């Protein structure tokens, strides 16, 4: 298994744990939270659809992050004091949050669109 894919699987395992905790705490399910499970299972089992699901999942994340960023920029132009990210009562600074999201997306793109990962996921198990 390529090291890039192992890094991605470790990241998605953490996302699965966070998704389960969020689903239990909020008692609600959504596509962004639960779509990590079929992607992770497909990568672990090396199914034929796992490469496509991985790329669709990363595309969904990119679209969601872009929508959030555009909304934050528009809101910041209107009332800069109201643009805050608060999670469980903790105020998260925008700049580190943005930098970490971009970094996580870049890691996913680097791992998912590499030739090694594509060959590994599409090669049939013997």
C-alpha atoms as a PDB file:
ATOM      1  CA  UNK A   1       0.000   0.000   0.000  1.00  0.00           C
ATOM      2  CA  UNK A   2       1.437   3.415  -0.926  1.00  0.00           C
ATOM      3  CA  UNK A   3       2.404   5.719   1.932  1.00  0.00           C
ATOM      4  CA  UNK A   4       0.202   8.466   0.483  1.00  0.00           C
ATOM      5  CA  UNK A   5      -2.806   6.202   0.696  1.00  0.00           C
ATOM      6  CA  UNK A   6      -1.941   5.135   4.241  1.00  0.00           C
ATOM      7  CA  UNK A   7      -1.820   8.827   5.228  1.00  0.00           C
ATOM      8  CA  UNK A   8      -5.197   9.380   3.586  1.00  0.00           C
ATOM      9  CA  UNK A   9      -6.691   6.323   5.306  1.00  0.00           C
ATOM     10  CA  UNK A  10      -5.407   7.564   8.680  1.00  0.00           C
ATOM     11  CA  UNK A  11      -6.954  10.982   8.003  1.00  0.00           C
ATOM     12  CA  UNK A  12     -10.268   9.401   7.014  1.00  0.00           C
ATOM     13  CA  UNK A  13     -10.258   7.156  10.114  1.00  0.00           C
ATOM     14  CA  UNK A  14     -10.008  10.313  12.228  1.00  0.00           C
ATOM     15  CA  UNK A  15     -12.819  11.823  10.144  1.00  0.00           C
ATOM     16  CA  UNK A  16     -14.955   8.712  10.723  1.00  0.00           C
ATOM     17  CA  UNK A  17     -14.493   8.985  14.475  1.00  0.00           C
ATOM     18  CA  UNK A  18     -15.372  12.683  14.361  1.00  0.00           C
ATOM     19  CA  UNK A  19     -18.391  11.912  12.143  1.00  0.00           C
ATOM     20  CA  UNK A  20     -19.688   9.302  14.562  1.00  0.00           C
ATOM     21  CA  UNK A  21     -19.224  11.645  17.522  1.00  0.00           C
ATOM     22  CA  UNK A  22     -20.994  14.458  15.657  1.00  0.00           C
ATOM     23  CA  UNK A  23     -23.847  12.174  14.646  1.00  0.00           C
ATOM     24  CA  UNK A  24     -24.297  10.979  18.230  1.00  0.00           C
ATOM     25  CA  UNK A  25     -23.970  14.432  19.817  1.00  0.00           C
ATOM     26  CA  UNK A  26     -26.152  16.306  17.305  1.00  0.00           C
ATOM     27  CA  UNK A  27     -28.470  13.361  16.604  1.00  0.00           C
ATOM     28  CA  UNK A  28     -28.498  14.264  12.922  1.00  0.00           C
ATOM     29  CA  UNK A  29     -26.957  12.841   9.804  1.00  0.00           C
ATOM     30  CA  UNK A  30     -25.840  14.637   6.665  1.00  0.00           C
ATOM     31  CA  UNK A  31     -23.977  13.748   3.500  1.00  0.00           C
ATOM     32  CA  UNK A  32     -20.789  15.588   4.448  1.00  0.00           C
ATOM     33  CA  UNK A  33     -20.537  13.698   7.714  1.00  0.00           C
ATOM     34  CA  UNK A  34     -21.442  10.206   6.590  1.00  0.00           C
ATOM     35  CA  UNK A  35     -19.938  10.107   3.089  1.00  0.00           C
ATOM     36  CA  UNK A  36     -16.492   9.392   4.519  1.00  0.00           C
ATOM     37  CA  UNK A  37     -17.545   5.844   5.480  1.00  0.00           C
ATOM     38  CA  UNK A  38     -18.059   4.378   1.975  1.00  0.00           C
ATOM     39  CA  UNK A  39     -14.885   6.093   0.774  1.00  0.00           C
ATOM     40  CA  UNK A  40     -12.838   4.583   3.591  1.00  0.00           C
ATOM     41  CA  UNK A  41     -14.373   1.136   3.180  1.00  0.00           C
ATOM     42  CA  UNK A  42     -13.789   1.248  -0.585  1.00  0.00           C
ATOM     43  CA  UNK A  43     -10.136   2.165  -0.130  1.00  0.00           C
ATOM     44  CA  UNK A  44      -9.550  -0.533   2.459  1.00  0.00           C
ATOM     45  CA  UNK A  45     -11.238  -3.207   0.329  1.00  0.00           C
ATOM     46  CA  UNK A  46      -9.732  -1.903  -2.962  1.00  0.00           C
ATOM     47  CA  UNK A  47     -13.080  -1.945  -4.694  1.00  0.00           C
ATOM     48  CA  UNK A  48     -13.334  -0.835  -8.343  1.00  0.00           C
ATOM     49  CA  UNK A  49     -15.375   2.240  -7.433  1.00  0.00           C
ATOM     50  CA  UNK A  50     -13.134   3.486  -4.628  1.00  0.00           C
ATOM     51  CA  UNK A  51     -11.012   5.770  -6.800  1.00  0.00           C
ATOM     52  CA  UNK A  52     -14.097   7.466  -8.256  1.00  0.00           C
ATOM     53  CA  UNK A  53     -15.746   7.812  -4.829  1.00  0.00           C
ATOM     54  CA  UNK A  54     -12.559   9.300  -3.410  1.00  0.00           C
ATOM     55  CA  UNK A  55     -12.422  11.955  -6.117  1.00  0.00           C
ATOM     56  CA  UNK A  56     -16.128  12.763  -5.750  1.00  0.00           C
ATOM     57  CA  UNK A  57     -15.705  13.062  -1.967  1.00  0.00           C
ATOM     58  CA  UNK A  58     -12.775  15.461  -2.346  1.00  0.00           C
ATOM     59  CA  UNK A  59     -14.775  17.455  -4.889  1.00  0.00           C
ATOM     60  CA  UNK A  60     -17.662  17.732  -2.414  1.00  0.00           C
ATOM     61  CA  UNK A  61     -15.287  18.940   0.276  1.00  0.00           C
ATOM     62  CA  UNK A  62     -13.789  21.513  -2.066  1.00  0.00           C
ATOM     63  CA  UNK A  63     -17.229  22.750  -3.070  1.00  0.00           C
ATOM     64  CA  UNK A  64     -18.352  22.985   0.560  1.00  0.00           C
ATOM     65  CA  UNK A  65     -15.204  24.793   1.643  1.00  0.00           C
ATOM     66  CA  UNK A  66     -15.474  27.208  -1.293  1.00  0.00           C
ATOM     67  CA  UNK A  67     -19.107  27.998  -0.415  1.00  0.00           C
ATOM     68  CA  UNK A  68     -18.146  28.586   3.211  1.00  0.00           C
ATOM     69  CA  UNK A  69     -15.240  30.834   2.197  1.00  0.00           C
ATOM     70  CA  UNK A  70     -17.339  32.909  -0.205  1.00  0.00           C
ATOM     71  CA  UNK A  71     -20.056  33.322   2.417  1.00  0.00           C
ATOM     72  CA  UNK A  72     -17.464  34.384   5.007  1.00  0.00           C
ATOM     73  CA  UNK A  73     -15.952  36.937   2.626  1.00  0.00           C
ATOM     74  CA  UNK A  74     -19.363  38.455   1.860  1.00  0.00           C
ATOM     75  CA  UNK A  75     -20.317  38.513   5.544  1.00  0.00           C
ATOM     76  CA  UNK A  76     -16.964  40.046   6.473  1.00  0.00           C
ATOM     77  CA  UNK A  77     -17.545  42.859   3.985  1.00  0.00           C
ATOM     78  CA  UNK A  78     -20.931  43.615   5.571  1.00  0.00           C
ATOM     79  CA  UNK A  79     -20.181  43.255   9.302  1.00  0.00           C
ATOM     80  CA  UNK A  80     -16.600  42.222  10.161  1.00  0.00           C
ATOM     81  CA  UNK A  81     -17.363  41.794  13.874  1.00  0.00           C
ATOM     82  CA  UNK A  82     -19.980  39.106  13.238  1.00  0.00           C
ATOM     83  CA  UNK A  83     -17.720  36.755  11.248  1.00  0.00           C
ATOM     84  CA  UNK A  84     -16.817  34.171  13.870  1.00  0.00           C
ATOM     85  CA  UNK A  85     -16.501  30.407  13.984  1.00  0.00           C
ATOM     86  CA  UNK A  86     -17.705  29.123  17.336  1.00  0.00           C
ATOM     87  CA  UNK A  87     -17.584  25.409  18.119  1.00  0.00           C
ATOM     88  CA  UNK A  88     -18.825  24.254  21.542  1.00  0.00           C
ATOM     89  CA  UNK A  89     -18.395  27.738  22.927  1.00  0.00           C
ATOM     90  CA  UNK A  90     -14.810  28.112  21.681  1.00  0.00           C
ATOM     91  CA  UNK A  91     -14.025  30.915  19.235  1.00  0.00           C
ATOM     92  CA  UNK A  92     -11.838  29.536  16.414  1.00  0.00           C
ATOM     93  CA  UNK A  93      -9.654  32.121  14.610  1.00  0.00           C
ATOM     94  CA  UNK A  94     -10.421  32.350  10.888  1.00  0.00           C
ATOM     95  CA  UNK A  95      -6.843  32.438   9.536  1.00  0.00           C
ATOM     96  CA  UNK A  96      -5.589  29.197  11.192  1.00  0.00           C
ATOM     97  CA  UNK A  97      -8.870  27.464  10.323  1.00  0.00           C
ATOM     98  CA  UNK A  98      -8.558  28.483   6.678  1.00  0.00           C
ATOM     99  CA  UNK A  99      -4.896  27.498   6.496  1.00  0.00           C
ATOM    100  CA  UNK A 100      -5.581  24.081   8.025  1.00  0.00           C
ATOM    101  CA  UNK A 101      -8.528  23.415   5.688  1.00  0.00           C
ATOM    102  CA  UNK A 102      -6.433  24.316   2.634  1.00  0.00           C
ATOM    103  CA  UNK A 103      -3.603  22.101   3.914  1.00  0.00           C
ATOM    104  CA  UNK A 104      -5.947  19.143   4.467  1.00  0.00           C
ATOM    105  CA  UNK A 105      -7.486  19.578   1.002  1.00  0.00           C
ATOM    106  CA  UNK A 106      -4.029  19.755  -0.603  1.00  0.00           C
ATOM    107  CA  UNK A 107      -2.960  16.541   1.142  1.00  0.00           C
ATOM    108  CA  UNK A 108      -6.093  14.823  -0.130  1.00  0.00           C
ATOM    109  CA  UNK A 109      -5.532  16.053  -3.686  1.00  0.00           C
ATOM    110  CA  UNK A 110      -1.884  15.009  -3.516  1.00  0.00           C
ATOM    111  CA  UNK A 111      -2.790  11.501  -2.370  1.00  0.00           C
ATOM    112  CA  UNK A 112      -5.923  10.917  -4.456  1.00  0.00           C
ATOM    113  CA  UNK A 113      -4.672  12.155  -7.804  1.00  0.00           C
ATOM    114  CA  UNK A 114      -1.231  10.559  -7.657  1.00  0.00           C
ATOM    115  CA  UNK A 115      -0.394   7.886 -10.183  1.00  0.00           C
ATOM    116  CA  UNK A 116       0.677   5.450  -7.456  1.00  0.00           C
ATOM    117  CA  UNK A 117      -2.674   5.640  -5.675  1.00  0.00           C
ATOM    118  CA  UNK A 118      -4.616   5.321  -8.906  1.00  0.00           C
ATOM    119  CA  UNK A 119      -2.646   2.240  -9.920  1.00  0.00           C
ATOM    120  CA  UNK A 120      -3.037   0.691  -6.476  1.00  0.00           C
ATOM    121  CA  UNK A 121      -6.802   1.212  -6.303  1.00  0.00           C
ATOM    122  CA  UNK A 122      -7.533   0.074  -9.856  1.00  0.00           C
ATOM    123  CA  UNK A 123      -5.240  -2.976  -9.829  1.00  0.00           C
ATOM    124  CA  UNK A 124      -7.088  -6.199  -9.161  1.00  0.00           C
ATOM    125  CA  UNK A 125      -6.198  -8.177  -6.060  1.00  0.00           C
ATOM    126  CA  UNK A 126      -4.634 -11.565  -6.700  1.00  0.00           C
END
